[in-house]
């Protein structure tokens, strides 16, 4: 397993080595700390509402000739989205490199996103979400 580094400013996770600059908040490398236990195991109590669920759709509904869809929701059972208990963000990686962060606002959105991958992209799609009360949770799928 790769080492896990967590940005002390925004909570972003990097695998392997800390970056020179955080790709999310632009904090310097010094703000990253190694933390092997930063991501809860998928078997931990509470997994039903925290482990991301990834559904792949080979034929994109929006751009059918050039991409594939990945639908991501937090938890097999929808996570509460209340002002005091919510998913703050969802980070999406391809082959352990961050592609996007989606901010989720409790009173407006559900903890779910859809992304459009270019058709020629392959590898491991990883999703890490952050619950303000229960921390980081992760799931991966081959694309």
C-alpha atoms as a PDB file:
ATOM      1  CA  UNK A   1       0.000   0.000   0.000  1.00  0.00           C
ATOM      2  CA  UNK A   2       1.226   3.466  -0.841  1.00  0.00           C
ATOM      3  CA  UNK A   3       1.961   5.976   1.862  1.00  0.00           C
ATOM      4  CA  UNK A   4      -0.897   8.412   2.472  1.00  0.00           C
ATOM      5  CA  UNK A   5      -0.304  12.135   2.920  1.00  0.00           C
ATOM      6  CA  UNK A   6      -3.049  14.530   4.068  1.00  0.00           C
ATOM      7  CA  UNK A   7      -3.072  18.274   3.453  1.00  0.00           C
ATOM      8  CA  UNK A   8      -3.471  20.056   6.772  1.00  0.00           C
ATOM      9  CA  UNK A   9      -5.275  22.947   5.099  1.00  0.00           C
ATOM     10  CA  UNK A  10      -7.979  21.307   2.941  1.00  0.00           C
ATOM     11  CA  UNK A  11      -7.840  17.579   3.790  1.00  0.00           C
ATOM     12  CA  UNK A  12      -6.807  16.505   0.286  1.00  0.00           C
ATOM     13  CA  UNK A  13      -5.108  13.094   0.155  1.00  0.00           C
ATOM     14  CA  UNK A  14      -2.059  12.238  -1.943  1.00  0.00           C
ATOM     15  CA  UNK A  15      -0.688   8.737  -2.472  1.00  0.00           C
ATOM     16  CA  UNK A  16       3.012   7.852  -2.433  1.00  0.00           C
ATOM     17  CA  UNK A  17       4.672  11.207  -1.747  1.00  0.00           C
ATOM     18  CA  UNK A  18       3.508  14.642  -0.695  1.00  0.00           C
ATOM     19  CA  UNK A  19       3.329  17.043  -3.660  1.00  0.00           C
ATOM     20  CA  UNK A  20       5.316  20.282  -3.838  1.00  0.00           C
ATOM     21  CA  UNK A  21       1.983  22.138  -3.817  1.00  0.00           C
ATOM     22  CA  UNK A  22      -1.493  20.859  -2.939  1.00  0.00           C
ATOM     23  CA  UNK A  23      -3.492  20.521  -6.181  1.00  0.00           C
ATOM     24  CA  UNK A  24      -6.670  21.592  -4.375  1.00  0.00           C
ATOM     25  CA  UNK A  25      -5.736  24.537  -2.123  1.00  0.00           C
ATOM     26  CA  UNK A  26      -2.148  25.255  -3.268  1.00  0.00           C
ATOM     27  CA  UNK A  27      -0.684  24.821   0.220  1.00  0.00           C
ATOM     28  CA  UNK A  28       3.052  24.026   0.259  1.00  0.00           C
ATOM     29  CA  UNK A  29       4.459  20.524   0.860  1.00  0.00           C
ATOM     30  CA  UNK A  30       5.146  21.397   4.507  1.00  0.00           C
ATOM     31  CA  UNK A  31       1.386  21.380   5.161  1.00  0.00           C
ATOM     32  CA  UNK A  32       1.163  17.654   4.296  1.00  0.00           C
ATOM     33  CA  UNK A  33       1.538  15.004   6.982  1.00  0.00           C
ATOM     34  CA  UNK A  34       1.878  11.274   6.514  1.00  0.00           C
ATOM     35  CA  UNK A  35      -1.135   9.491   8.024  1.00  0.00           C
ATOM     36  CA  UNK A  36      -1.533   5.765   7.311  1.00  0.00           C
ATOM     37  CA  UNK A  37      -4.909   5.730   9.100  1.00  0.00           C
ATOM     38  CA  UNK A  38      -6.435   8.732   7.350  1.00  0.00           C
ATOM     39  CA  UNK A  39      -8.904   6.660   5.320  1.00  0.00           C
ATOM     40  CA  UNK A  40     -11.378   4.486   7.176  1.00  0.00           C
ATOM     41  CA  UNK A  41     -11.441   0.840   6.064  1.00  0.00           C
ATOM     42  CA  UNK A  42     -14.440  -0.092   3.924  1.00  0.00           C
ATOM     43  CA  UNK A  43     -15.491  -2.655   6.558  1.00  0.00           C
ATOM     44  CA  UNK A  44     -15.738  -0.134   9.414  1.00  0.00           C
ATOM     45  CA  UNK A  45     -19.033   0.496  11.175  1.00  0.00           C
ATOM     46  CA  UNK A  46     -20.932   3.215   9.318  1.00  0.00           C
ATOM     47  CA  UNK A  47     -19.792   2.034   5.881  1.00  0.00           C
ATOM     48  CA  UNK A  48     -23.367   1.907   4.568  1.00  0.00           C
ATOM     49  CA  UNK A  49     -23.561   5.718   4.631  1.00  0.00           C
ATOM     50  CA  UNK A  50     -19.932   6.553   3.898  1.00  0.00           C
ATOM     51  CA  UNK A  51     -18.201   4.265   1.387  1.00  0.00           C
ATOM     52  CA  UNK A  52     -18.603   5.778  -2.092  1.00  0.00           C
ATOM     53  CA  UNK A  53     -20.528   3.727  -4.657  1.00  0.00           C
ATOM     54  CA  UNK A  54     -19.240   3.979  -8.240  1.00  0.00           C
ATOM     55  CA  UNK A  55     -21.441   3.010 -11.205  1.00  0.00           C
ATOM     56  CA  UNK A  56     -19.825   2.992 -14.646  1.00  0.00           C
ATOM     57  CA  UNK A  57     -21.823   3.650 -17.805  1.00  0.00           C
ATOM     58  CA  UNK A  58     -19.913   2.811 -20.984  1.00  0.00           C
ATOM     59  CA  UNK A  59     -22.078   4.970 -23.258  1.00  0.00           C
ATOM     60  CA  UNK A  60     -22.264   8.552 -22.049  1.00  0.00           C
ATOM     61  CA  UNK A  61     -25.712  10.122 -22.143  1.00  0.00           C
ATOM     62  CA  UNK A  62     -24.371  13.618 -22.822  1.00  0.00           C
ATOM     63  CA  UNK A  63     -21.362  13.053 -25.128  1.00  0.00           C
ATOM     64  CA  UNK A  64     -21.904   9.494 -26.397  1.00  0.00           C
ATOM     65  CA  UNK A  65     -19.100   9.334 -28.945  1.00  0.00           C
ATOM     66  CA  UNK A  66     -16.260  10.656 -26.832  1.00  0.00           C
ATOM     67  CA  UNK A  67     -16.742   9.713 -23.188  1.00  0.00           C
ATOM     68  CA  UNK A  68     -17.977   7.294 -20.534  1.00  0.00           C
ATOM     69  CA  UNK A  69     -19.862   8.215 -17.387  1.00  0.00           C
ATOM     70  CA  UNK A  70     -19.085   7.427 -13.780  1.00  0.00           C
ATOM     71  CA  UNK A  71     -21.909   8.049 -11.343  1.00  0.00           C
ATOM     72  CA  UNK A  72     -20.744   8.440  -7.757  1.00  0.00           C
ATOM     73  CA  UNK A  73     -22.891   8.516  -4.645  1.00  0.00           C
ATOM     74  CA  UNK A  74     -21.795   8.506  -1.044  1.00  0.00           C
ATOM     75  CA  UNK A  75     -23.053   5.361   0.631  1.00  0.00           C
ATOM     76  CA  UNK A  76     -25.314   2.519  -0.381  1.00  0.00           C
ATOM     77  CA  UNK A  77     -27.761   4.237   1.973  1.00  0.00           C
ATOM     78  CA  UNK A  78     -27.817   8.000   1.281  1.00  0.00           C
ATOM     79  CA  UNK A  79     -25.680   9.974   3.698  1.00  0.00           C
ATOM     80  CA  UNK A  80     -27.502  12.661   5.717  1.00  0.00           C
ATOM     81  CA  UNK A  81     -26.958  16.151   4.379  1.00  0.00           C
ATOM     82  CA  UNK A  82     -27.734  18.357   7.351  1.00  0.00           C
ATOM     83  CA  UNK A  83     -25.978  21.491   8.563  1.00  0.00           C
ATOM     84  CA  UNK A  84     -24.281  19.620  11.427  1.00  0.00           C
ATOM     85  CA  UNK A  85     -23.621  16.280   9.649  1.00  0.00           C
ATOM     86  CA  UNK A  86     -22.704  16.273   5.983  1.00  0.00           C
ATOM     87  CA  UNK A  87     -20.343  15.268   3.214  1.00  0.00           C
ATOM     88  CA  UNK A  88     -18.116  18.286   2.629  1.00  0.00           C
ATOM     89  CA  UNK A  89     -16.413  17.188  -0.575  1.00  0.00           C
ATOM     90  CA  UNK A  90     -15.801  14.317  -2.993  1.00  0.00           C
ATOM     91  CA  UNK A  91     -12.363  13.912  -4.630  1.00  0.00           C
ATOM     92  CA  UNK A  92     -11.970  11.855  -7.812  1.00  0.00           C
ATOM     93  CA  UNK A  93      -8.672  10.289  -8.904  1.00  0.00           C
ATOM     94  CA  UNK A  94      -7.538   8.340 -11.953  1.00  0.00           C
ATOM     95  CA  UNK A  95      -4.533   6.111 -11.316  1.00  0.00           C
ATOM     96  CA  UNK A  96      -3.941   7.847  -7.962  1.00  0.00           C
ATOM     97  CA  UNK A  97      -3.760  11.334  -9.504  1.00  0.00           C
ATOM     98  CA  UNK A  98      -6.487  13.766  -8.473  1.00  0.00           C
ATOM     99  CA  UNK A  99      -8.761  14.897 -11.320  1.00  0.00           C
ATOM    100  CA  UNK A 100     -11.396  16.926  -9.485  1.00  0.00           C
ATOM    101  CA  UNK A 101     -12.830  18.013  -6.155  1.00  0.00           C
ATOM    102  CA  UNK A 102     -16.563  18.484  -5.858  1.00  0.00           C
ATOM    103  CA  UNK A 103     -17.745  20.683  -2.987  1.00  0.00           C
ATOM    104  CA  UNK A 104     -21.098  19.581  -1.580  1.00  0.00           C
ATOM    105  CA  UNK A 105     -23.346  22.036   0.275  1.00  0.00           C
ATOM    106  CA  UNK A 106     -25.672  20.445   2.824  1.00  0.00           C
ATOM    107  CA  UNK A 107     -28.856  22.365   2.282  1.00  0.00           C
ATOM    108  CA  UNK A 108     -28.664  22.391  -1.519  1.00  0.00           C
ATOM    109  CA  UNK A 109     -27.139  19.136  -2.853  1.00  0.00           C
ATOM    110  CA  UNK A 110     -27.126  15.414  -2.270  1.00  0.00           C
ATOM    111  CA  UNK A 111     -23.774  13.690  -1.812  1.00  0.00           C
ATOM    112  CA  UNK A 112     -23.566  12.493  -5.425  1.00  0.00           C
ATOM    113  CA  UNK A 113     -21.817  13.521  -8.655  1.00  0.00           C
ATOM    114  CA  UNK A 114     -21.438  12.280 -12.215  1.00  0.00           C
ATOM    115  CA  UNK A 115     -18.257  12.656 -14.209  1.00  0.00           C
ATOM    116  CA  UNK A 116     -17.504  12.260 -17.898  1.00  0.00           C
ATOM    117  CA  UNK A 117     -14.266  10.394 -18.595  1.00  0.00           C
ATOM    118  CA  UNK A 118     -12.661  10.633 -22.001  1.00  0.00           C
ATOM    119  CA  UNK A 119     -13.230   7.316 -23.762  1.00  0.00           C
ATOM    120  CA  UNK A 120      -9.502   6.580 -24.025  1.00  0.00           C
ATOM    121  CA  UNK A 121      -8.840   6.894 -20.275  1.00  0.00           C
ATOM    122  CA  UNK A 122      -8.229   3.615 -18.454  1.00  0.00           C
ATOM    123  CA  UNK A 123      -7.024   2.477 -15.070  1.00  0.00           C
ATOM    124  CA  UNK A 124      -8.287   2.748 -11.523  1.00  0.00           C
ATOM    125  CA  UNK A 125     -10.923   5.324 -10.667  1.00  0.00           C
ATOM    126  CA  UNK A 126     -10.725   6.167  -6.953  1.00  0.00           C
ATOM    127  CA  UNK A 127     -13.186   8.271  -4.995  1.00  0.00           C
ATOM    128  CA  UNK A 128     -12.503   9.723  -1.550  1.00  0.00           C
ATOM    129  CA  UNK A 129     -15.209  11.555   0.347  1.00  0.00           C
ATOM    130  CA  UNK A 130     -14.990  13.540   3.541  1.00  0.00           C
ATOM    131  CA  UNK A 131     -17.707  13.505   6.193  1.00  0.00           C
ATOM    132  CA  UNK A 132     -17.432  16.378   8.668  1.00  0.00           C
ATOM    133  CA  UNK A 133     -18.077  13.960  11.574  1.00  0.00           C
ATOM    134  CA  UNK A 134     -16.576  10.658  10.373  1.00  0.00           C
ATOM    135  CA  UNK A 135     -13.607  11.590   8.186  1.00  0.00           C
ATOM    136  CA  UNK A 136     -12.332  10.116   4.904  1.00  0.00           C
ATOM    137  CA  UNK A 137     -13.793   7.057   3.144  1.00  0.00           C
ATOM    138  CA  UNK A 138     -12.680   5.562  -0.179  1.00  0.00           C
ATOM    139  CA  UNK A 139     -13.754   3.230  -2.990  1.00  0.00           C
ATOM    140  CA  UNK A 140     -12.113   2.250  -6.298  1.00  0.00           C
ATOM    141  CA  UNK A 141     -13.203   0.724  -9.599  1.00  0.00           C
ATOM    142  CA  UNK A 142     -11.417  -0.236 -12.787  1.00  0.00           C
ATOM    143  CA  UNK A 143     -12.341   1.801 -15.870  1.00  0.00           C
END
